[in-house]
N, C-alpha and C. Protein backbone atom coordinates (compact mmCIF):
# COMPACT_ATOMS: atom_id res chain seq x y z
N MET A 1 -29.63 23.96 -20.95
CA MET A 1 -29.66 22.55 -20.02
C MET A 1 -29.17 22.81 -18.68
N LYS A 2 -29.98 21.77 -17.97
CA LYS A 2 -28.94 21.93 -16.70
C LYS A 2 -28.14 20.84 -16.21
N VAL A 3 -27.35 20.63 -16.03
CA VAL A 3 -26.51 19.74 -15.22
C VAL A 3 -26.13 19.68 -13.68
N LEU A 4 -25.96 18.65 -13.01
CA LEU A 4 -24.83 18.60 -11.86
C LEU A 4 -24.00 18.20 -12.31
N MET A 5 -23.15 18.74 -11.54
CA MET A 5 -21.50 19.04 -11.59
C MET A 5 -21.11 17.75 -10.94
N LYS A 6 -20.11 16.96 -11.38
CA LYS A 6 -19.65 15.45 -10.97
C LYS A 6 -18.15 16.00 -10.23
N GLN A 7 -17.58 17.17 -10.83
CA GLN A 7 -16.56 17.20 -10.95
C GLN A 7 -16.03 18.83 -10.93
N ASP A 8 -15.25 19.35 -9.80
CA ASP A 8 -14.93 20.83 -10.30
C ASP A 8 -14.86 20.83 -11.45
N LEU A 9 -14.91 22.33 -12.53
CA LEU A 9 -14.28 22.44 -13.50
C LEU A 9 -14.39 23.93 -13.47
N ARG A 10 -13.12 24.74 -13.73
CA ARG A 10 -13.35 26.08 -13.74
C ARG A 10 -14.06 26.75 -14.46
N LYS A 11 -14.49 27.92 -14.10
CA LYS A 11 -15.30 28.69 -14.77
C LYS A 11 -16.67 27.82 -15.39
N VAL A 12 -17.08 26.63 -14.52
CA VAL A 12 -18.22 26.37 -15.11
C VAL A 12 -18.66 25.81 -13.49
N GLY A 13 -17.97 25.22 -13.08
CA GLY A 13 -19.32 24.90 -11.79
C GLY A 13 -18.44 24.01 -10.69
N LYS A 14 -18.62 23.77 -9.66
CA LYS A 14 -18.12 23.21 -8.47
C LYS A 14 -18.68 21.97 -8.19
N LYS A 15 -18.31 20.81 -7.92
CA LYS A 15 -18.92 19.52 -7.84
C LYS A 15 -19.85 19.85 -6.46
N GLY A 16 -21.25 19.16 -7.29
CA GLY A 16 -22.68 18.82 -6.45
C GLY A 16 -23.80 20.58 -7.00
N GLU A 17 -22.89 21.34 -7.85
CA GLU A 17 -23.56 22.55 -8.38
C GLU A 17 -24.34 21.81 -9.45
N ILE A 18 -25.74 22.62 -9.22
CA ILE A 18 -26.45 22.31 -10.60
C ILE A 18 -26.27 24.10 -11.50
N VAL A 19 -25.91 23.59 -12.98
CA VAL A 19 -25.68 24.38 -13.39
C VAL A 19 -26.39 24.63 -14.92
N ASP A 20 -27.09 25.48 -15.23
CA ASP A 20 -27.15 26.13 -16.53
C ASP A 20 -25.73 26.43 -17.76
N VAL A 21 -26.09 25.43 -18.68
CA VAL A 21 -24.97 25.44 -20.02
C VAL A 21 -25.73 25.24 -21.14
N SER A 22 -24.87 25.75 -21.95
CA SER A 22 -25.80 25.15 -23.95
C SER A 22 -25.96 23.77 -23.85
N ASP A 23 -26.69 23.81 -24.76
CA ASP A 23 -27.26 22.20 -24.89
C ASP A 23 -26.14 21.86 -25.51
N GLY A 24 -25.40 22.37 -26.69
CA GLY A 24 -24.25 21.51 -26.89
C GLY A 24 -22.76 21.38 -26.10
N TYR A 25 -22.75 22.38 -25.45
CA TYR A 25 -21.51 21.90 -24.33
C TYR A 25 -21.62 21.18 -23.64
N GLY A 26 -23.05 20.70 -22.74
CA GLY A 26 -23.11 20.04 -21.99
C GLY A 26 -23.34 18.51 -22.48
N ALA A 27 -24.17 18.70 -23.44
CA ALA A 27 -24.27 17.24 -24.45
C ALA A 27 -22.38 16.71 -24.99
N ASN A 28 -22.17 17.11 -25.46
CA ASN A 28 -20.49 17.44 -26.08
C ASN A 28 -19.27 17.64 -25.53
N TYR A 29 -19.13 17.74 -24.19
CA TYR A 29 -18.68 18.04 -23.57
C TYR A 29 -18.26 17.19 -22.17
N LEU A 30 -19.53 18.36 -21.42
CA LEU A 30 -19.02 18.16 -20.26
C LEU A 30 -20.12 16.56 -19.51
N ILE A 31 -20.72 15.73 -20.02
CA ILE A 31 -21.43 14.48 -20.09
C ILE A 31 -20.46 13.73 -20.42
N PRO A 32 -19.91 13.82 -21.80
CA PRO A 32 -19.09 12.34 -22.40
C PRO A 32 -17.80 12.47 -21.63
N ASN A 33 -17.14 13.30 -21.20
CA ASN A 33 -15.77 13.40 -20.14
C ASN A 33 -15.98 13.03 -18.94
N GLY A 34 -17.54 12.89 -18.42
CA GLY A 34 -17.59 12.71 -17.06
C GLY A 34 -17.98 13.69 -15.67
N TYR A 35 -17.79 15.22 -16.62
CA TYR A 35 -17.60 16.35 -15.45
C TYR A 35 -18.99 16.57 -15.04
N ALA A 36 -20.00 16.18 -15.69
CA ALA A 36 -21.47 16.18 -15.01
C ALA A 36 -22.40 15.39 -15.84
N VAL A 37 -23.75 15.30 -14.93
CA VAL A 37 -24.50 14.25 -15.66
C VAL A 37 -25.97 15.14 -16.09
N LEU A 38 -27.00 15.07 -16.82
CA LEU A 38 -27.99 15.77 -17.13
C LEU A 38 -28.79 15.74 -15.63
N TYR A 39 -29.70 16.98 -15.51
CA TYR A 39 -29.62 17.02 -13.97
C TYR A 39 -31.37 16.89 -14.18
N THR A 40 -31.58 15.62 -13.33
CA THR A 40 -33.25 15.33 -13.00
C THR A 40 -33.01 14.88 -11.21
N ALA A 41 -34.06 14.29 -11.17
CA ALA A 41 -34.05 14.37 -9.68
C ALA A 41 -33.80 12.85 -9.05
N GLU A 42 -33.78 12.12 -10.05
CA GLU A 42 -32.67 10.59 -10.00
C GLU A 42 -31.78 10.74 -9.81
N ALA A 43 -30.85 12.05 -10.44
CA ALA A 43 -29.42 11.98 -10.59
C ALA A 43 -29.73 12.86 -9.33
N GLN A 44 -29.91 13.31 -8.91
CA GLN A 44 -29.96 14.04 -7.62
C GLN A 44 -29.71 13.46 -6.56
N LYS A 45 -30.60 12.17 -6.55
CA LYS A 45 -30.94 11.17 -5.38
C LYS A 45 -29.33 10.06 -5.34
N GLN A 46 -28.79 9.76 -6.60
CA GLN A 46 -27.66 9.07 -6.89
C GLN A 46 -26.78 9.93 -6.14
N TYR A 47 -26.36 11.62 -6.52
CA TYR A 47 -25.50 12.21 -6.00
C TYR A 47 -25.35 12.12 -4.43
N GLU A 48 -26.71 12.34 -3.86
CA GLU A 48 -26.87 12.39 -2.52
C GLU A 48 -26.44 10.99 -1.90
N ILE A 49 -26.45 10.22 -2.65
CA ILE A 49 -26.09 8.45 -2.24
C ILE A 49 -24.92 8.52 -2.47
N GLU A 50 -23.83 9.12 -2.86
CA GLU A 50 -22.50 9.27 -3.26
C GLU A 50 -21.98 10.02 -2.40
N LEU A 51 -22.47 11.02 -2.13
CA LEU A 51 -21.79 11.75 -0.90
C LEU A 51 -21.92 10.65 0.39
N GLU A 52 -23.05 10.70 1.16
CA GLU A 52 -23.31 9.61 2.14
C GLU A 52 -21.91 8.87 1.76
N GLU A 53 -21.72 7.60 0.83
CA GLU A 53 -20.75 6.73 0.54
C GLU A 53 -19.12 7.28 0.96
N GLU A 54 -19.27 8.89 0.41
CA GLU A 54 -17.71 8.92 0.55
C GLU A 54 -17.29 9.81 1.88
N ARG A 55 -18.63 10.41 2.74
CA ARG A 55 -18.42 10.52 3.89
C ARG A 55 -17.87 9.34 4.68
N LYS A 56 -19.08 8.24 4.56
CA LYS A 56 -18.77 7.22 5.67
C LYS A 56 -17.37 6.24 5.15
N GLU A 57 -16.96 6.85 4.00
CA GLU A 57 -15.21 5.99 3.33
C GLU A 57 -14.42 6.93 4.44
N LYS A 58 -14.48 8.06 4.16
CA LYS A 58 -13.63 9.19 4.70
C LYS A 58 -13.83 8.98 6.37
N GLU A 59 -14.91 8.65 6.93
CA GLU A 59 -14.84 8.28 8.69
C GLU A 59 -14.05 7.19 9.03
N ARG A 60 -14.64 6.09 8.02
CA ARG A 60 -13.72 4.89 8.15
C ARG A 60 -12.20 5.17 7.98
N LYS A 61 -11.67 5.82 7.01
CA LYS A 61 -10.21 5.99 7.27
C LYS A 61 -9.54 6.88 8.04
N ARG A 62 -10.29 7.58 8.80
CA ARG A 62 -10.10 8.50 9.95
C ARG A 62 -10.03 7.49 11.32
N GLU A 63 -11.00 6.64 11.29
CA GLU A 63 -10.75 5.73 12.24
C GLU A 63 -9.24 4.64 12.00
N GLU A 64 -9.26 4.01 11.10
CA GLU A 64 -8.12 3.53 10.84
C GLU A 64 -7.32 4.32 11.12
N ALA A 65 -6.85 6.18 11.04
CA ALA A 65 -5.76 6.45 11.03
C ALA A 65 -6.06 6.87 12.64
N LYS A 66 -6.53 6.99 13.52
CA LYS A 66 -6.55 7.14 14.79
C LYS A 66 -6.18 5.84 15.31
N GLU A 67 -6.20 4.32 14.92
CA GLU A 67 -5.79 3.26 15.13
C GLU A 67 -4.63 3.34 14.87
N LEU A 68 -3.87 3.97 14.04
CA LEU A 68 -2.55 3.71 13.35
C LEU A 68 -1.80 4.72 14.52
N SER A 69 -2.23 5.69 15.15
CA SER A 69 -1.50 6.68 15.75
C SER A 69 -1.66 6.10 17.00
N LYS A 70 -2.43 5.45 17.71
CA LYS A 70 -2.00 4.73 18.87
C LYS A 70 -1.29 3.81 18.86
N ARG A 71 -1.26 2.86 17.84
CA ARG A 71 -0.24 1.56 17.85
C ARG A 71 1.53 2.69 17.27
N LEU A 72 1.46 3.55 16.60
CA LEU A 72 2.98 4.28 16.74
C LEU A 72 3.39 4.28 17.81
N GLU A 73 2.51 5.33 19.10
CA GLU A 73 2.94 5.34 20.12
C GLU A 73 3.57 4.46 20.97
N THR A 74 3.05 3.16 21.04
CA THR A 74 3.97 2.24 21.08
C THR A 74 5.30 1.94 20.79
N ILE A 75 5.88 2.33 19.72
CA ILE A 75 6.69 2.10 19.05
C ILE A 75 7.95 2.74 18.82
N THR A 76 9.11 2.53 19.38
CA THR A 76 10.11 2.79 19.08
C THR A 76 11.11 2.47 18.29
N LEU A 77 11.91 3.12 17.02
CA LEU A 77 12.11 2.25 16.26
C LEU A 77 13.92 2.85 16.54
N VAL A 78 14.90 1.91 16.82
CA VAL A 78 16.07 1.91 17.31
C VAL A 78 17.32 1.97 16.21
N PHE A 79 18.11 2.74 15.55
CA PHE A 79 18.91 2.48 15.08
C PHE A 79 20.59 3.12 15.66
N GLU A 80 20.95 1.79 15.00
CA GLU A 80 22.48 2.13 15.56
C GLU A 80 23.73 2.94 14.57
N ALA A 81 24.56 3.90 15.45
CA ALA A 81 25.33 4.90 14.65
C ALA A 81 26.64 5.23 14.98
N PRO A 82 27.52 5.09 14.19
CA PRO A 82 29.15 5.35 15.07
C PRO A 82 29.23 6.67 15.44
N ALA A 83 30.22 6.86 16.42
CA ALA A 83 30.63 8.37 17.12
C ALA A 83 32.29 8.54 16.86
N GLY A 84 32.09 9.70 16.37
CA GLY A 84 33.45 10.26 16.13
C GLY A 84 34.27 10.75 17.34
N ARG A 85 35.15 11.58 17.20
CA ARG A 85 36.25 11.64 18.39
C ARG A 85 35.71 12.46 19.80
N ARG A 86 34.99 13.27 19.25
CA ARG A 86 34.32 14.02 20.55
C ARG A 86 32.95 13.35 21.05
N GLY A 87 32.39 11.84 19.86
CA GLY A 87 31.20 11.38 20.74
C GLY A 87 30.30 11.96 19.98
N ASP A 88 30.29 12.58 19.40
CA ASP A 88 29.35 12.83 17.89
C ASP A 88 28.91 12.06 17.30
N MET A 89 27.61 12.07 17.01
CA MET A 89 27.34 11.01 16.24
C MET A 89 27.43 11.43 14.62
N ILE A 90 28.15 10.37 13.57
CA ILE A 90 28.53 10.56 12.15
C ILE A 90 27.61 10.03 11.53
N GLY A 91 26.83 11.20 10.70
CA GLY A 91 26.19 10.84 9.59
C GLY A 91 24.58 11.19 10.37
N THR A 92 23.42 10.82 8.95
CA THR A 92 22.65 10.99 9.84
C THR A 92 21.37 9.81 9.78
N VAL A 93 20.27 10.04 10.22
CA VAL A 93 19.39 8.57 10.10
C VAL A 93 18.01 9.55 8.96
N SER A 94 17.86 9.09 7.82
CA SER A 94 17.21 9.88 6.93
C SER A 94 15.65 9.07 6.90
N PHE A 95 15.04 9.99 6.59
CA PHE A 95 13.65 9.47 7.13
C PHE A 95 13.36 8.60 5.83
N LYS A 96 14.18 8.31 5.22
CA LYS A 96 13.37 6.76 4.21
C LYS A 96 13.91 6.06 4.73
N LYS A 97 15.34 6.10 5.72
CA LYS A 97 15.52 4.71 6.57
C LYS A 97 14.24 4.57 7.63
N VAL A 98 13.77 5.66 8.24
CA VAL A 98 12.60 5.42 9.49
C VAL A 98 11.87 4.93 8.60
N SER A 99 11.36 4.99 7.48
CA SER A 99 10.07 4.85 6.75
C SER A 99 10.26 2.88 6.12
N GLU A 100 11.50 2.87 5.68
CA GLU A 100 11.73 1.14 5.44
C GLU A 100 11.81 0.40 6.75
N ALA A 101 12.28 0.87 7.91
CA ALA A 101 12.08 0.46 9.27
C ALA A 101 10.69 -0.27 9.72
N LEU A 102 10.12 0.66 9.34
CA LEU A 102 8.22 0.94 10.18
C LEU A 102 7.82 -0.16 8.88
N LYS A 103 7.98 -0.03 7.75
CA LYS A 103 7.36 -0.83 6.61
C LYS A 103 8.42 -2.71 7.14
N LYS A 104 9.43 -2.66 7.25
CA LYS A 104 10.04 -3.78 7.60
C LYS A 104 9.50 -4.66 8.60
N GLN A 105 9.68 -3.69 9.76
CA GLN A 105 9.42 -4.32 10.99
C GLN A 105 7.92 -4.46 11.55
N TYR A 106 6.96 -3.54 10.93
CA TYR A 106 5.56 -3.37 11.73
C TYR A 106 4.77 -3.16 10.43
N ASP A 107 5.01 -3.19 9.31
CA ASP A 107 3.94 -3.53 8.04
C ASP A 107 3.24 -1.69 8.10
N ILE A 108 3.82 -1.01 8.32
CA ILE A 108 3.39 0.45 8.19
C ILE A 108 4.10 1.25 7.54
N LYS A 109 3.38 1.53 6.19
CA LYS A 109 3.43 2.83 5.42
C LYS A 109 3.49 4.07 5.78
N ILE A 110 4.63 4.86 5.69
CA ILE A 110 4.48 6.39 5.89
C ILE A 110 5.06 6.91 4.79
N ASP A 111 4.51 7.74 4.30
CA ASP A 111 4.92 8.85 3.11
C ASP A 111 5.98 10.08 3.91
N LYS A 112 7.15 10.39 3.05
CA LYS A 112 7.45 11.65 3.72
C LYS A 112 6.53 12.61 3.35
N GLY A 113 5.75 12.61 2.17
CA GLY A 113 4.99 14.22 2.15
C GLY A 113 4.05 14.34 3.74
N GLN A 114 3.77 12.78 4.50
CA GLN A 114 3.11 12.94 5.75
C GLN A 114 4.07 13.77 6.73
N VAL A 115 5.29 14.10 6.79
CA VAL A 115 5.78 14.56 7.97
C VAL A 115 5.32 15.97 8.25
N ILE A 116 4.80 16.27 8.78
CA ILE A 116 5.19 18.04 9.33
C ILE A 116 5.88 18.85 9.54
N ASP A 117 6.91 18.54 10.33
CA ASP A 117 7.94 19.35 10.43
C ASP A 117 9.34 18.57 9.45
N LYS A 118 9.34 19.31 8.30
CA LYS A 118 10.05 18.92 7.34
C LYS A 118 11.72 19.39 7.80
N ASN A 119 11.92 19.81 8.93
CA ASN A 119 13.16 20.27 9.10
C ASN A 119 13.89 19.44 10.20
N VAL A 120 13.40 18.18 10.77
CA VAL A 120 13.91 17.40 11.78
C VAL A 120 14.89 16.55 11.17
N ILE A 121 16.08 16.98 11.85
CA ILE A 121 17.06 16.28 10.90
C ILE A 121 17.56 15.12 12.33
N ILE A 122 17.93 14.11 11.64
CA ILE A 122 17.88 12.94 13.22
C ILE A 122 19.43 12.94 12.70
N ASN A 123 20.48 13.66 13.42
CA ASN A 123 22.12 13.73 13.36
C ASN A 123 22.43 13.61 15.02
N GLY A 124 21.66 13.31 16.13
CA GLY A 124 22.63 12.95 16.84
C GLY A 124 22.36 11.75 17.96
N PHE A 125 22.92 11.49 18.90
CA PHE A 125 22.20 10.00 19.92
C PHE A 125 21.14 10.76 20.52
N GLY A 126 20.09 9.00 20.95
CA GLY A 126 19.07 9.96 21.58
C GLY A 126 17.43 9.64 20.59
N VAL A 127 16.69 10.29 21.68
CA VAL A 127 15.42 10.42 21.10
C VAL A 127 15.08 11.18 20.78
N THR A 128 14.22 11.26 19.07
CA THR A 128 13.85 12.04 18.44
C THR A 128 12.15 11.82 17.92
N ASP A 129 11.42 12.39 17.86
CA ASP A 129 9.94 12.44 17.66
C ASP A 129 9.74 13.07 16.58
N LEU A 130 9.10 12.81 15.45
CA LEU A 130 8.89 12.97 14.13
C LEU A 130 6.85 12.88 13.81
N LYS A 131 6.67 14.30 14.16
CA LYS A 131 4.99 14.18 13.85
C LYS A 131 4.73 13.95 12.34
N VAL A 132 3.84 13.04 11.94
CA VAL A 132 2.94 12.69 10.86
C VAL A 132 1.73 12.72 10.87
N ASP A 133 1.50 13.12 9.83
CA ASP A 133 -0.14 13.51 9.92
C ASP A 133 -0.57 12.11 8.96
N LEU A 134 -1.60 11.54 9.84
CA LEU A 134 -1.44 10.43 9.03
C LEU A 134 -3.19 10.25 8.34
N PHE A 135 -4.07 11.16 8.36
CA PHE A 135 -4.70 11.31 7.49
C PHE A 135 -6.13 12.79 7.91
N ASP A 136 -6.20 13.88 7.18
CA ASP A 136 -7.20 14.63 7.01
C ASP A 136 -6.88 15.32 8.83
N GLY A 137 -5.52 15.48 9.41
CA GLY A 137 -5.86 16.18 10.60
C GLY A 137 -5.50 14.79 12.06
N VAL A 138 -5.61 13.95 11.71
CA VAL A 138 -5.36 12.84 12.71
C VAL A 138 -4.08 12.78 12.65
N LEU A 139 -3.20 13.26 13.91
CA LEU A 139 -1.25 13.28 14.12
C LEU A 139 -0.89 11.88 14.79
N GLY A 140 0.11 11.19 14.45
CA GLY A 140 1.27 10.33 15.29
C GLY A 140 2.33 10.77 15.38
N THR A 141 3.00 10.26 16.09
CA THR A 141 4.26 10.36 16.19
C THR A 141 5.36 8.97 16.18
N ILE A 142 6.22 9.59 15.26
CA ILE A 142 7.15 7.92 14.86
C ILE A 142 8.30 8.71 16.43
N HIS A 143 8.78 7.22 17.15
CA HIS A 143 9.70 7.91 18.41
C HIS A 143 10.81 6.86 17.08
N VAL A 144 12.10 7.98 17.13
CA VAL A 144 13.08 7.37 16.53
C VAL A 144 14.44 7.33 17.65
N LYS A 145 15.04 6.08 17.74
CA LYS A 145 16.41 6.09 18.75
C LYS A 145 17.58 5.77 18.26
N VAL A 146 18.33 6.88 18.93
CA VAL A 146 19.27 6.37 18.00
C VAL A 146 20.49 6.20 19.26
N VAL A 147 21.67 4.80 19.10
CA VAL A 147 22.43 4.54 20.01
C VAL A 147 23.67 4.27 19.54
N LEU A 148 24.91 4.13 20.34
CA LEU A 148 26.03 4.28 20.10
C LEU A 148 26.23 2.59 19.28
N LYS A 149 26.54 2.89 18.18
CA LYS A 149 27.19 1.67 17.47
C LYS A 149 28.68 0.70 18.37
N GLU A 150 28.79 -0.51 18.95
CA GLU A 150 29.47 -0.73 19.61
C GLU A 150 30.89 -1.39 18.58
N LYS A 151 32.10 -1.01 18.79
CA LYS A 151 32.71 -1.20 17.68
C LYS A 151 33.44 -2.70 18.63
N LYS A 152 33.60 -3.43 17.49
CA LYS A 152 34.22 -5.24 17.28
C LYS A 152 35.94 -5.06 17.72
């Protein structure tokens, strides 16, 4: 039986491949579980249509990420922090605080997994740039400025 793979399945085939499998394996496992469809010319056409839709969706998301990248360039998040006796900043600004500020002030959602340099620690006054991967190689920069908290 020839089947068109809809998903990658180890030791069977990758998505989009036409694979020859035993009738029982194809009819009782691959097709009912959505791993494959019976190969026909119509199934091949349908698969090509799905591929085109996926490509368009990916391109749309890439354009959205580019727009978000441009928007992030204009944003500088400002945080206040107290200073110690020697003028050093006390504490750090975590990515969680940065993420919450972006969500609250600008309605932009960035996950911690999107941060490229995981070792950047915001523990001093001034401007720090966080590089983020917005979508499939589209990079953005979050500008974080820490200023001295005025004593009351």
